[in-house]
Amino acid sequence: MSGERQVGIVLVSHSGPVAESVAELARGLA
């Protein structure tokens, strides 16, 4: 879980709101 969190944080820093929606999708799949 910690790894996924780090990836999410990195994505947010890169893409912002787009990454947030992607993170929500990943959560749903996981």
C-alpha atoms as a PDB file:
ATOM      1  CA  MET A   1       0.000   0.000   0.000  1.00  0.00           C
ATOM      2  CA  SER A   2       2.835   2.391   0.822  1.00  0.00           C
ATOM      3  CA  GLY A   3       4.280   1.872  -2.659  1.00  0.00           C
ATOM      4  CA  GLU A   4       0.970   2.711  -4.291  1.00  0.00           C
ATOM      5  CA  ARG A   5       0.727   5.820  -2.134  1.00  0.00           C
ATOM      6  CA  GLN A   6       4.176   6.993  -3.200  1.00  0.00           C
ATOM      7  CA  VAL A   7       3.308   6.424  -6.854  1.00  0.00           C
ATOM      8  CA  GLY A   8       0.084   8.371  -6.398  1.00  0.00           C
ATOM      9  CA  ILE A   9       1.931  11.279  -4.806  1.00  0.00           C
ATOM     10  CA  VAL A  10       4.465  11.327  -7.643  1.00  0.00           C
ATOM     11  CA  LEU A  11       1.686  11.251 -10.228  1.00  0.00           C
ATOM     12  CA  VAL A  12      -0.156  14.098  -8.505  1.00  0.00           C
ATOM     13  CA  SER A  13       3.016  16.185  -8.488  1.00  0.00           C
ATOM     14  CA  HIS A  14       3.353  15.540 -12.230  1.00  0.00           C
ATOM     15  CA  SER A  15      -0.210  15.698 -13.545  1.00  0.00           C
ATOM     16  CA  GLY A  16      -2.307  17.095 -10.685  1.00  0.00           C
ATOM     17  CA  PRO A  17      -6.081  16.587 -11.049  1.00  0.00           C
ATOM     18  CA  VAL A  18      -5.663  14.075 -13.871  1.00  0.00           C
ATOM     19  CA  ALA A  19      -3.595  11.839 -11.614  1.00  0.00           C
ATOM     20  CA  GLU A  20      -6.217  12.151  -8.884  1.00  0.00           C
ATOM     21  CA  SER A  21      -8.881  10.680 -11.157  1.00  0.00           C
ATOM     22  CA  VAL A  22      -6.451   7.940 -12.198  1.00  0.00           C
ATOM     23  CA  ALA A  23      -5.728   7.197  -8.545  1.00  0.00           C
ATOM     24  CA  GLU A  24      -9.456   6.838  -7.882  1.00  0.00           C
ATOM     25  CA  LEU A  25      -9.752   4.397 -10.787  1.00  0.00           C
ATOM     26  CA  ALA A  26      -6.773   2.423  -9.481  1.00  0.00           C
ATOM     27  CA  ARG A  27      -8.412   2.312  -6.056  1.00  0.00           C
ATOM     28  CA  GLY A  28     -11.587   0.922  -7.591  1.00  0.00           C
ATOM     29  CA  LEU A  29      -9.627  -1.764  -9.430  1.00  0.00           C
ATOM     30  CA  ALA A  30      -7.622  -2.625  -6.329  1.00  0.00           C
END
